[in-house]
Amino acid sequence: MQQKKLEELQLYEQNLQNILLQKQIIQAELNEINNALTELEKLKEASAFRIVGGIMVKKNKDELKRELEDKKRLLELRIKSFEKQEELIRKKAEEIREELLKGVKK
């Protein structure tokens, strides 16, 4: 029984690490988008360049801003989803830890 609980705890901790890594990657992408939006606001021209594949493509500034804001909203939703998953996994792992500690103290 203890061994099974320990394996379950390890699995939850691995899942938690994966979620934290994915959340960190998305957070970095979100930071890049925020920086791009800030730079677009400073831009006086009506168009800007966007890197697509290996080339730079000229785009309307407002259209580019809309695309970035849409992507930003999507990434923020994904981060919230990861945070909910993280909270649930942490809670479950803590419950298992407590069960294991009770078993050791007996």
PDB file of N, CA and C in Angstrom:
ATOM      1  N   MET A   1       0.829  -1.207   0.000  1.00  0.00           N
ATOM      2  CA  MET A   1       0.000   0.000   0.000  1.00  0.00           C
ATOM      3  C   MET A   1       0.864   1.258   0.000  1.00  0.00           C
ATOM      4  N   GLN A   2       1.877   1.272   0.883  1.00  0.00           N
ATOM      5  CA  GLN A   2       2.767   2.428   0.951  1.00  0.00           C
ATOM      6  C   GLN A   2       3.512   2.633  -0.367  1.00  0.00           C
ATOM      7  N   GLN A   3       3.971   1.538  -0.947  1.00  0.00           N
ATOM      8  CA  GLN A   3       4.714   1.605  -2.206  1.00  0.00           C
ATOM      9  C   GLN A   3       3.845   2.185  -3.317  1.00  0.00           C
ATOM     10  N   LYS A   4       2.588   1.763  -3.365  1.00  0.00           N
ATOM     11  CA  LYS A   4       1.670   2.260  -4.386  1.00  0.00           C
ATOM     12  C   LYS A   4       1.432   3.758  -4.219  1.00  0.00           C
ATOM     13  N   LYS A   5       1.262   4.189  -2.968  1.00  0.00           N
ATOM     14  CA  LYS A   5       1.054   5.616  -2.692  1.00  0.00           C
ATOM     15  C   LYS A   5       2.297   6.424  -3.051  1.00  0.00           C
ATOM     16  N   LEU A   6       3.456   5.877  -2.772  1.00  0.00           N
ATOM     17  CA  LEU A   6       4.706   6.554  -3.103  1.00  0.00           C
ATOM     18  C   LEU A   6       4.856   6.701  -4.618  1.00  0.00           C
ATOM     19  N   GLU A   7       4.515   5.674  -5.352  1.00  0.00           N
ATOM     20  CA  GLU A   7       4.567   5.735  -6.824  1.00  0.00           C
ATOM     21  C   GLU A   7       3.563   6.750  -7.346  1.00  0.00           C
ATOM     22  N   GLU A   8       2.390   6.800  -6.735  1.00  0.00           N
ATOM     23  CA  GLU A   8       1.366   7.759  -7.138  1.00  0.00           C
ATOM     24  C   GLU A   8       1.855   9.195  -6.887  1.00  0.00           C
ATOM     25  N   LEU A   9       2.486   9.394  -5.737  1.00  0.00           N
ATOM     26  CA  LEU A   9       3.036  10.715  -5.409  1.00  0.00           C
ATOM     27  C   LEU A   9       4.102  11.118  -6.420  1.00  0.00           C
ATOM     28  N   GLN A  10       4.967  10.196  -6.774  1.00  0.00           N
ATOM     29  CA  GLN A  10       6.009  10.489  -7.756  1.00  0.00           C
ATOM     30  C   GLN A  10       5.412  10.861  -9.106  1.00  0.00           C
ATOM     31  N   LEU A  11       4.343  10.179  -9.483  1.00  0.00           N
ATOM     32  CA  LEU A  11       3.670  10.476 -10.741  1.00  0.00           C
ATOM     33  C   LEU A  11       3.081  11.885 -10.721  1.00  0.00           C
ATOM     34  N   TYR A  12       2.434  12.242  -9.615  1.00  0.00           N
ATOM     35  CA  TYR A  12       1.891  13.599  -9.493  1.00  0.00           C
ATOM     36  C   TYR A  12       2.994  14.654  -9.552  1.00  0.00           C
ATOM     37  N   GLU A  13       4.108  14.371  -8.912  1.00  0.00           N
ATOM     38  CA  GLU A  13       5.212  15.329  -8.928  1.00  0.00           C
ATOM     39  C   GLU A  13       5.805  15.482 -10.322  1.00  0.00           C
ATOM     40  N   GLN A  14       5.884  14.390 -11.076  1.00  0.00           N
ATOM     41  CA  GLN A  14       6.351  14.466 -12.465  1.00  0.00           C
ATOM     42  C   GLN A  14       5.388  15.284 -13.314  1.00  0.00           C
ATOM     43  N   ASN A  15       4.091  15.041 -13.128  1.00  0.00           N
ATOM     44  CA  ASN A  15       3.086  15.817 -13.863  1.00  0.00           C
ATOM     45  C   ASN A  15       3.185  17.290 -13.526  1.00  0.00           C
ATOM     46  N   LEU A  16       3.405  17.581 -12.260  1.00  0.00           N
ATOM     47  CA  LEU A  16       3.545  18.969 -11.821  1.00  0.00           C
ATOM     48  C   LEU A  16       4.746  19.626 -12.493  1.00  0.00           C
ATOM     49  N   GLN A  17       5.866  18.923 -12.559  1.00  0.00           N
ATOM     50  CA  GLN A  17       7.057  19.464 -13.221  1.00  0.00           C
ATOM     51  C   GLN A  17       6.794  19.744 -14.693  1.00  0.00           C
ATOM     52  N   ASN A  18       6.083  18.840 -15.363  1.00  0.00           N
ATOM     53  CA  ASN A  18       5.747  19.039 -16.776  1.00  0.00           C
ATOM     54  C   ASN A  18       4.870  20.268 -16.964  1.00  0.00           C
ATOM     55  N   ILE A  19       3.882  20.425 -16.093  1.00  0.00           N
ATOM     56  CA  ILE A  19       2.985  21.580 -16.179  1.00  0.00           C
ATOM     57  C   ILE A  19       3.760  22.869 -15.942  1.00  0.00           C
ATOM     58  N   LEU A  20       4.640  22.865 -14.950  1.00  0.00           N
ATOM     59  CA  LEU A  20       5.427  24.072 -14.663  1.00  0.00           C
ATOM     60  C   LEU A  20       6.333  24.433 -15.837  1.00  0.00           C
ATOM     61  N   LEU A  21       6.903  23.435 -16.479  1.00  0.00           N
ATOM     62  CA  LEU A  21       7.755  23.686 -17.638  1.00  0.00           C
ATOM     63  C   LEU A  21       6.956  24.272 -18.798  1.00  0.00           C
ATOM     64  N   GLN A  22       5.802  23.676 -19.077  1.00  0.00           N
ATOM     65  CA  GLN A  22       4.955  24.183 -20.159  1.00  0.00           C
ATOM     66  C   GLN A  22       4.481  25.603 -19.856  1.00  0.00           C
ATOM     67  N   LYS A  23       4.126  25.846 -18.601  1.00  0.00           N
ATOM     68  CA  LYS A  23       3.666  27.180 -18.207  1.00  0.00           C
ATOM     69  C   LYS A  23       4.789  28.209 -18.370  1.00  0.00           C
ATOM     70  N   GLN A  24       5.996  27.803 -18.029  1.00  0.00           N
ATOM     71  CA  GLN A  24       7.155  28.697 -18.174  1.00  0.00           C
ATOM     72  C   GLN A  24       7.406  29.037 -19.644  1.00  0.00           C
ATOM     73  N   ILE A  25       7.286  28.063 -20.523  1.00  0.00           N
ATOM     74  CA  ILE A  25       7.479  28.291 -21.953  1.00  0.00           C
ATOM     75  C   ILE A  25       6.434  29.266 -22.487  1.00  0.00           C
ATOM     76  N   ILE A  26       5.182  29.056 -22.086  1.00  0.00           N
ATOM     77  CA  ILE A  26       4.103  29.938 -22.537  1.00  0.00           C
ATOM     78  C   ILE A  26       4.283  31.343 -21.965  1.00  0.00           C
ATOM     79  N   GLN A  27       4.732  31.422 -20.712  1.00  0.00           N
ATOM     80  CA  GLN A  27       4.968  32.732 -20.095  1.00  0.00           C
ATOM     81  C   GLN A  27       6.046  33.498 -20.861  1.00  0.00           C
ATOM     82  N   ALA A  28       7.087  32.809 -21.297  1.00  0.00           N
ATOM     83  CA  ALA A  28       8.149  33.453 -22.078  1.00  0.00           C
ATOM     84  C   ALA A  28       7.596  33.963 -23.414  1.00  0.00           C
ATOM     85  N   GLU A  29       6.749  33.166 -24.046  1.00  0.00           N
ATOM     86  CA  GLU A  29       6.120  33.578 -25.308  1.00  0.00           C
ATOM     87  C   GLU A  29       5.204  34.787 -25.084  1.00  0.00           C
ATOM     88  N   LEU A  30       4.493  34.774 -23.972  1.00  0.00           N
ATOM     89  CA  LEU A  30       3.617  35.892 -23.624  1.00  0.00           C
ATOM     90  C   LEU A  30       4.431  37.164 -23.399  1.00  0.00           C
ATOM     91  N   ASN A  31       5.574  37.040 -22.759  1.00  0.00           N
ATOM     92  CA  ASN A  31       6.456  38.192 -22.551  1.00  0.00           C
ATOM     93  C   ASN A  31       6.938  38.766 -23.881  1.00  0.00           C
ATOM     94  N   GLU A  32       7.258  37.885 -24.828  1.00  0.00           N
ATOM     95  CA  GLU A  32       7.685  38.337 -26.159  1.00  0.00           C
ATOM     96  C   GLU A  32       6.556  39.107 -26.854  1.00  0.00           C
ATOM     97  N   ILE A  33       5.346  38.619 -26.731  1.00  0.00           N
ATOM     98  CA  ILE A  33       4.195  39.289 -27.348  1.00  0.00           C
ATOM     99  C   ILE A  33       3.975  40.656 -26.700  1.00  0.00           C
ATOM    100  N   ASN A  34       4.070  40.702 -25.376  1.00  0.00           N
ATOM    101  CA  ASN A  34       3.920  41.990 -24.684  1.00  0.00           C
ATOM    102  C   ASN A  34       4.986  42.989 -25.135  1.00  0.00           C
ATOM    103  N   ASN A  35       6.209  42.521 -25.301  1.00  0.00           N
ATOM    104  CA  ASN A  35       7.284  43.394 -25.788  1.00  0.00           C
ATOM    105  C   ASN A  35       6.996  43.862 -27.216  1.00  0.00           C
ATOM    106  N   ALA A  36       6.511  42.958 -28.056  1.00  0.00           N
ATOM    107  CA  ALA A  36       6.184  43.317 -29.444  1.00  0.00           C
ATOM    108  C   ALA A  36       5.062  44.348 -29.478  1.00  0.00           C
ATOM    109  N   LEU A  37       4.042  44.158 -28.634  1.00  0.00           N
ATOM    110  CA  LEU A  37       2.942  45.127 -28.575  1.00  0.00           C
ATOM    111  C   LEU A  37       3.426  46.502 -28.108  1.00  0.00           C
ATOM    112  N   THR A  38       4.325  46.510 -27.159  1.00  0.00           N
ATOM    113  CA  THR A  38       4.900  47.774 -26.673  1.00  0.00           C
ATOM    114  C   THR A  38       5.653  48.485 -27.791  1.00  0.00           C
ATOM    115  N   GLU A  39       6.434  47.712 -28.548  1.00  0.00           N
ATOM    116  CA  GLU A  39       7.188  48.304 -29.653  1.00  0.00           C
ATOM    117  C   GLU A  39       6.251  48.797 -30.762  1.00  0.00           C
ATOM    118  N   LEU A  40       5.175  48.072 -31.010  1.00  0.00           N
ATOM    119  CA  LEU A  40       4.206  48.510 -32.019  1.00  0.00           C
ATOM    120  C   LEU A  40       3.568  49.844 -31.633  1.00  0.00           C
ATOM    121  N   GLU A  41       3.312  50.022 -30.351  1.00  0.00           N
ATOM    122  CA  GLU A  41       2.727  51.281 -29.884  1.00  0.00           C
ATOM    123  C   GLU A  41       3.669  52.454 -30.142  1.00  0.00           C
ATOM    124  N   LYS A  42       4.949  52.218 -30.035  1.00  0.00           N
ATOM    125  CA  LYS A  42       5.948  53.279 -30.251  1.00  0.00           C
ATOM    126  C   LYS A  42       6.114  53.612 -31.737  1.00  0.00           C
ATOM    127  N   LEU A  43       5.760  52.654 -32.581  1.00  0.00           N
ATOM    128  CA  LEU A  43       5.971  52.781 -34.020  1.00  0.00           C
ATOM    129  C   LEU A  43       5.077  53.859 -34.625  1.00  0.00           C
ATOM    130  N   LYS A  44       5.674  54.746 -35.395  1.00  0.00           N
ATOM    131  CA  LYS A  44       4.922  55.843 -36.011  1.00  0.00           C
ATOM    132  C   LYS A  44       4.383  55.462 -37.394  1.00  0.00           C
ATOM    133  N   GLU A  45       5.019  54.487 -38.029  1.00  0.00           N
ATOM    134  CA  GLU A  45       4.591  54.061 -39.362  1.00  0.00           C
ATOM    135  C   GLU A  45       3.284  53.285 -39.288  1.00  0.00           C
ATOM    136  N   ALA A  46       2.599  53.175 -40.424  1.00  0.00           N
ATOM    137  CA  ALA A  46       1.325  52.460 -40.493  1.00  0.00           C
ATOM    138  C   ALA A  46       1.511  50.961 -40.713  1.00  0.00           C
ATOM    139  N   SER A  47       2.748  50.550 -40.988  1.00  0.00           N
ATOM    140  CA  SER A  47       3.004  49.127 -41.203  1.00  0.00           C
ATOM    141  C   SER A  47       4.251  48.711 -40.437  1.00  0.00           C
ATOM    142  N   ALA A  48       4.370  47.405 -40.269  1.00  0.00           N
ATOM    143  CA  ALA A  48       5.527  46.842 -39.571  1.00  0.00           C
ATOM    144  C   ALA A  48       5.862  45.515 -40.245  1.00  0.00           C
ATOM    145  N   PHE A  49       6.964  44.928 -39.840  1.00  0.00           N
ATOM    146  CA  PHE A  49       7.382  43.651 -40.409  1.00  0.00           C
ATOM    147  C   PHE A  49       7.178  42.543 -39.389  1.00  0.00           C
ATOM    148  N   ARG A  50       6.765  41.408 -39.902  1.00  0.00           N
ATOM    149  CA  ARG A  50       6.581  40.225 -39.077  1.00  0.00           C
ATOM    150  C   ARG A  50       7.389  39.106 -39.698  1.00  0.00           C
ATOM    151  N   ILE A  51       8.073  38.347 -38.863  1.00  0.00           N
ATOM    152  CA  ILE A  51       8.857  37.219 -39.370  1.00  0.00           C
ATOM    153  C   ILE A  51       7.939  36.012 -39.498  1.00  0.00           C
ATOM    154  N   VAL A  52       7.860  35.491 -40.724  1.00  0.00           N
ATOM    155  CA  VAL A  52       7.054  34.310 -41.017  1.00  0.00           C
ATOM    156  C   VAL A  52       7.983  33.300 -41.664  1.00  0.00           C
ATOM    157  N   GLY A  53       8.160  32.182 -40.987  1.00  0.00           N
ATOM    158  CA  GLY A  53       9.124  31.209 -41.500  1.00  0.00           C
ATOM    159  C   GLY A  53      10.504  31.829 -41.439  1.00  0.00           C
ATOM    160  N   GLY A  54      11.160  31.927 -42.547  1.00  0.00           N
ATOM    161  CA  GLY A  54      12.485  32.524 -42.582  1.00  0.00           C
ATOM    162  C   GLY A  54      12.516  33.887 -43.251  1.00  0.00           C
ATOM    163  N   ILE A  55      11.341  34.478 -43.498  1.00  0.00           N
ATOM    164  CA  ILE A  55      11.320  35.767 -44.197  1.00  0.00           C
ATOM    165  C   ILE A  55      10.541  36.805 -43.389  1.00  0.00           C
ATOM    166  N   MET A  56      10.802  38.063 -43.714  1.00  0.00           N
ATOM    167  CA  MET A  56      10.074  39.165 -43.079  1.00  0.00           C
ATOM    168  C   MET A  56       8.970  39.618 -44.028  1.00  0.00           C
ATOM    169  N   VAL A  57       7.762  39.745 -43.493  1.00  0.00           N
ATOM    170  CA  VAL A  57       6.605  40.133 -44.286  1.00  0.00           C
ATOM    171  C   VAL A  57       6.073  41.459 -43.746  1.00  0.00           C
ATOM    172  N   LYS A  58       5.806  42.384 -44.654  1.00  0.00           N
ATOM    173  CA  LYS A  58       5.264  43.676 -44.251  1.00  0.00           C
ATOM    174  C   LYS A  58       3.768  43.531 -43.994  1.00  0.00           C
ATOM    175  N   LYS A  59       3.303  44.049 -42.845  1.00  0.00           N
ATOM    176  CA  LYS A  59       1.889  43.946 -42.476  1.00  0.00           C
ATOM    177  C   LYS A  59       1.392  45.284 -41.965  1.00  0.00           C
ATOM    178  N   ASN A  60       0.098  45.461 -42.075  1.00  0.00           N
ATOM    179  CA  ASN A  60      -0.542  46.638 -41.501  1.00  0.00           C
ATOM    180  C   ASN A  60      -0.368  46.587 -39.982  1.00  0.00           C
ATOM    181  N   LYS A  61       0.001  47.712 -39.403  1.00  0.00           N
ATOM    182  CA  LYS A  61       0.278  47.793 -37.972  1.00  0.00           C
ATOM    183  C   LYS A  61      -0.943  47.376 -37.133  1.00  0.00           C
ATOM    184  N   ASP A  62      -2.126  47.852 -37.495  1.00  0.00           N
ATOM    185  CA  ASP A  62      -3.329  47.528 -36.724  1.00  0.00           C
ATOM    186  C   ASP A  62      -3.672  46.044 -36.819  1.00  0.00           C
ATOM    187  N   GLU A  63      -3.507  45.484 -38.009  1.00  0.00           N
ATOM    188  CA  GLU A  63      -3.780  44.057 -38.208  1.00  0.00           C
ATOM    189  C   GLU A  63      -2.803  43.217 -37.381  1.00  0.00           C
ATOM    190  N   LEU A  64      -1.555  43.600 -37.400  1.00  0.00           N
ATOM    191  CA  LEU A  64      -0.528  42.897 -36.636  1.00  0.00           C
ATOM    192  C   LEU A  64      -0.822  42.997 -35.136  1.00  0.00           C
ATOM    193  N   LYS A  65      -1.246  44.158 -34.714  1.00  0.00           N
ATOM    194  CA  LYS A  65      -1.579  44.365 -33.302  1.00  0.00           C
ATOM    195  C   LYS A  65      -2.748  43.462 -32.892  1.00  0.00           C
ATOM    196  N   ARG A  66      -3.778  43.370 -33.753  1.00  0.00           N
ATOM    197  CA  ARG A  66      -4.924  42.499 -33.464  1.00  0.00           C
ATOM    198  C   ARG A  66      -4.488  41.040 -33.346  1.00  0.00           C
ATOM    199  N   GLU A  67      -3.641  40.614 -34.267  1.00  0.00           N
ATOM    200  CA  GLU A  67      -3.155  39.234 -34.235  1.00  0.00           C
ATOM    201  C   GLU A  67      -2.389  38.948 -32.943  1.00  0.00           C
ATOM    202  N   LEU A  68      -1.545  39.890 -32.555  1.00  0.00           N
ATOM    203  CA  LEU A  68      -0.768  39.702 -31.328  1.00  0.00           C
ATOM    204  C   LEU A  68      -1.665  39.697 -30.091  1.00  0.00           C
ATOM    205  N   GLU A  69      -2.659  40.567 -30.077  1.00  0.00           N
ATOM    206  CA  GLU A  69      -3.578  40.613 -28.936  1.00  0.00           C
ATOM    207  C   GLU A  69      -4.414  39.334 -28.848  1.00  0.00           C
ATOM    208  N   ASP A  70      -4.810  38.789 -29.996  1.00  0.00           N
ATOM    209  CA  ASP A  70      -5.543  37.519 -30.003  1.00  0.00           C
ATOM    210  C   ASP A  70      -4.668  36.392 -29.454  1.00  0.00           C
ATOM    211  N   LYS A  71      -3.442  36.364 -29.905  1.00  0.00           N
ATOM    212  CA  LYS A  71      -2.516  35.335 -29.426  1.00  0.00           C
ATOM    213  C   LYS A  71      -2.247  35.510 -27.940  1.00  0.00           C
ATOM    214  N   LYS A  72      -2.156  36.756 -27.506  1.00  0.00           N
ATOM    215  CA  LYS A  72      -1.938  37.046 -26.091  1.00  0.00           C
ATOM    216  C   LYS A  72      -3.090  36.502 -25.252  1.00  0.00           C
ATOM    217  N   ARG A  73      -4.321  36.742 -25.691  1.00  0.00           N
ATOM    218  CA  ARG A  73      -5.489  36.238 -24.959  1.00  0.00           C
ATOM    219  C   ARG A  73      -5.476  34.705 -24.877  1.00  0.00           C
ATOM    220  N   LEU A  74      -5.131  34.077 -25.983  1.00  0.00           N
ATOM    221  CA  LEU A  74      -5.063  32.623 -26.014  1.00  0.00           C
ATOM    222  C   LEU A  74      -4.014  32.097 -25.025  1.00  0.00           C
ATOM    223  N   LEU A  75      -2.851  32.725 -25.026  1.00  0.00           N
ATOM    224  CA  LEU A  75      -1.786  32.292 -24.115  1.00  0.00           C
ATOM    225  C   LEU A  75      -2.170  32.526 -22.657  1.00  0.00           C
ATOM    226  N   GLU A  76      -2.844  33.627 -22.385  1.00  0.00           N
ATOM    227  CA  GLU A  76      -3.296  33.892 -21.018  1.00  0.00           C
ATOM    228  C   GLU A  76      -4.301  32.837 -20.556  1.00  0.00           C
ATOM    229  N   LEU A  77      -5.174  32.399 -21.457  1.00  0.00           N
ATOM    230  CA  LEU A  77      -6.117  31.325 -21.122  1.00  0.00           C
ATOM    231  C   LEU A  77      -5.380  30.014 -20.840  1.00  0.00           C
ATOM    232  N   ARG A  78      -4.378  29.737 -21.652  1.00  0.00           N
ATOM    233  CA  ARG A  78      -3.601  28.509 -21.439  1.00  0.00           C
ATOM    234  C   ARG A  78      -2.871  28.546 -20.105  1.00  0.00           C
ATOM    235  N   ILE A  79      -2.338  29.711 -19.749  1.00  0.00           N
ATOM    236  CA  ILE A  79      -1.645  29.847 -18.459  1.00  0.00           C
ATOM    237  C   ILE A  79      -2.628  29.613 -17.316  1.00  0.00           C
ATOM    238  N   LYS A  80      -3.827  30.193 -17.423  1.00  0.00           N
ATOM    239  CA  LYS A  80      -4.838  29.978 -16.376  1.00  0.00           C
ATOM    240  C   LYS A  80      -5.191  28.500 -16.260  1.00  0.00           C
ATOM    241  N   SER A  81      -5.296  27.822 -17.399  1.00  0.00           N
ATOM    242  CA  SER A  81      -5.596  26.396 -17.396  1.00  0.00           C
ATOM    243  C   SER A  81      -4.483  25.611 -16.699  1.00  0.00           C
ATOM    244  N   PHE A  82      -3.239  25.941 -17.015  1.00  0.00           N
ATOM    245  CA  PHE A  82      -2.107  25.276 -16.363  1.00  0.00           C
ATOM    246  C   PHE A  82      -2.100  25.569 -14.862  1.00  0.00           C
ATOM    247  N   GLU A  83      -2.451  26.790 -14.479  1.00  0.00           N
ATOM    248  CA  GLU A  83      -2.477  27.133 -13.057  1.00  0.00           C
ATOM    249  C   GLU A  83      -3.533  26.325 -12.316  1.00  0.00           C
ATOM    250  N   LYS A  84      -4.685  26.109 -12.949  1.00  0.00           N
ATOM    251  CA  LYS A  84      -5.724  25.284 -12.324  1.00  0.00           C
ATOM    252  C   LYS A  84      -5.245  23.842 -12.174  1.00  0.00           C
ATOM    253  N   GLN A  85      -4.632  23.311 -13.241  1.00  0.00           N
ATOM    254  CA  GLN A  85      -4.097  21.950 -13.187  1.00  0.00           C
ATOM    255  C   GLN A  85      -3.031  21.847 -12.100  1.00  0.00           C
ATOM    256  N   GLU A  86      -2.165  22.858 -12.045  1.00  0.00           N
ATOM    257  CA  GLU A  86      -1.098  22.887 -11.054  1.00  0.00           C
ATOM    258  C   GLU A  86      -1.679  22.847  -9.637  1.00  0.00           C
ATOM    259  N   GLU A  87      -2.696  23.644  -9.403  1.00  0.00           N
ATOM    260  CA  GLU A  87      -3.314  23.698  -8.083  1.00  0.00           C
ATOM    261  C   GLU A  87      -3.916  22.342  -7.703  1.00  0.00           C
ATOM    262  N   LEU A  88      -4.625  21.721  -8.634  1.00  0.00           N
ATOM    263  CA  LEU A  88      -5.237  20.418  -8.357  1.00  0.00           C
ATOM    264  C   LEU A  88      -4.185  19.349  -8.068  1.00  0.00           C
ATOM    265  N   ILE A  89      -3.133  19.342  -8.855  1.00  0.00           N
ATOM    266  CA  ILE A  89      -2.083  18.335  -8.668  1.00  0.00           C
ATOM    267  C   ILE A  89      -1.354  18.565  -7.357  1.00  0.00           C
ATOM    268  N   ARG A  90      -1.057  19.812  -7.037  1.00  0.00           N
ATOM    269  CA  ARG A  90      -0.394  20.111  -5.754  1.00  0.00           C
ATOM    270  C   ARG A  90      -1.258  19.635  -4.579  1.00  0.00           C
ATOM    271  N   LYS A  91      -2.540  19.900  -4.668  1.00  0.00           N
ATOM    272  CA  LYS A  91      -3.465  19.511  -3.603  1.00  0.00           C
ATOM    273  C   LYS A  91      -3.489  17.985  -3.437  1.00  0.00           C
ATOM    274  N   LYS A  92      -3.604  17.274  -4.558  1.00  0.00           N
ATOM    275  CA  LYS A  92      -3.644  15.812  -4.511  1.00  0.00           C
ATOM    276  C   LYS A  92      -2.317  15.249  -3.992  1.00  0.00           C
ATOM    277  N   ALA A  93      -1.207  15.812  -4.428  1.00  0.00           N
ATOM    278  CA  ALA A  93       0.107  15.346  -3.976  1.00  0.00           C
ATOM    279  C   ALA A  93       0.256  15.578  -2.470  1.00  0.00           C
ATOM    280  N   GLU A  94      -0.227  16.700  -2.001  1.00  0.00           N
ATOM    281  CA  GLU A  94      -0.142  17.001  -0.567  1.00  0.00           C
ATOM    282  C   GLU A  94      -0.978  16.008   0.242  1.00  0.00           C
ATOM    283  N   GLU A  95      -2.146  15.657  -0.259  1.00  0.00           N
ATOM    284  CA  GLU A  95      -2.993  14.663   0.413  1.00  0.00           C
ATOM    285  C   GLU A  95      -2.264  13.322   0.515  1.00  0.00           C
ATOM    286  N   ILE A  96      -1.619  12.926  -0.559  1.00  0.00           N
ATOM    287  CA  ILE A  96      -0.896  11.655  -0.560  1.00  0.00           C
ATOM    288  C   ILE A  96       0.302  11.722   0.384  1.00  0.00           C
ATOM    289  N   ARG A  97       1.008  12.864   0.390  1.00  0.00           N
ATOM    290  CA  ARG A  97       2.136  13.054   1.307  1.00  0.00           C
ATOM    291  C   ARG A  97       1.678  12.881   2.759  1.00  0.00           C
ATOM    292  N   GLU A  98       0.549  13.498   3.084  1.00  0.00           N
ATOM    293  CA  GLU A  98       0.016  13.397   4.440  1.00  0.00           C
ATOM    294  C   GLU A  98      -0.336  11.951   4.790  1.00  0.00           C
ATOM    295  N   GLU A  99      -0.941  11.242   3.834  1.00  0.00           N
ATOM    296  CA  GLU A  99      -1.260   9.829   4.057  1.00  0.00           C
ATOM    297  C   GLU A  99       0.012   9.024   4.317  1.00  0.00           C
ATOM    298  N   LEU A 100       1.046   9.284   3.532  1.00  0.00           N
ATOM    299  CA  LEU A 100       2.300   8.572   3.702  1.00  0.00           C
ATOM    300  C   LEU A 100       2.932   8.876   5.060  1.00  0.00           C
ATOM    301  N   LEU A 101       2.887  10.141   5.462  1.00  0.00           N
ATOM    302  CA  LEU A 101       3.449  10.517   6.759  1.00  0.00           C
ATOM    303  C   LEU A 101       2.685   9.866   7.907  1.00  0.00           C
ATOM    304  N   LYS A 102       1.371   9.803   7.780  1.00  0.00           N
ATOM    305  CA  LYS A 102       0.573   9.125   8.815  1.00  0.00           C
ATOM    306  C   LYS A 102       0.947   7.655   8.906  1.00  0.00           C
ATOM    307  N   GLY A 103       1.183   7.030   7.753  1.00  0.00           N
ATOM    308  CA  GLY A 103       1.571   5.626   7.724  1.00  0.00           C
ATOM    309  C   GLY A 103       2.932   5.388   8.351  1.00  0.00           C
ATOM    310  N   VAL A 104       3.856   6.341   8.199  1.00  0.00           N
ATOM    311  CA  VAL A 104       5.211   6.210   8.761  1.00  0.00           C
ATOM    312  C   VAL A 104       5.163   6.389  10.276  1.00  0.00           C
ATOM    313  N   LYS A 105       4.311   7.292  10.754  1.00  0.00           N
ATOM    314  CA  LYS A 105       4.226   7.587  12.188  1.00  0.00           C
ATOM    315  C   LYS A 105       3.574   6.462  12.980  1.00  0.00           C
ATOM    316  N   LYS A 106       2.804   5.607  12.323  1.00  0.00           N
ATOM    317  CA  LYS A 106       2.110   4.511  13.029  1.00  0.00           C
ATOM    318  C   LYS A 106       3.048   3.473  13.539  1.00  0.00           C
TER     319      LYS A 106
END
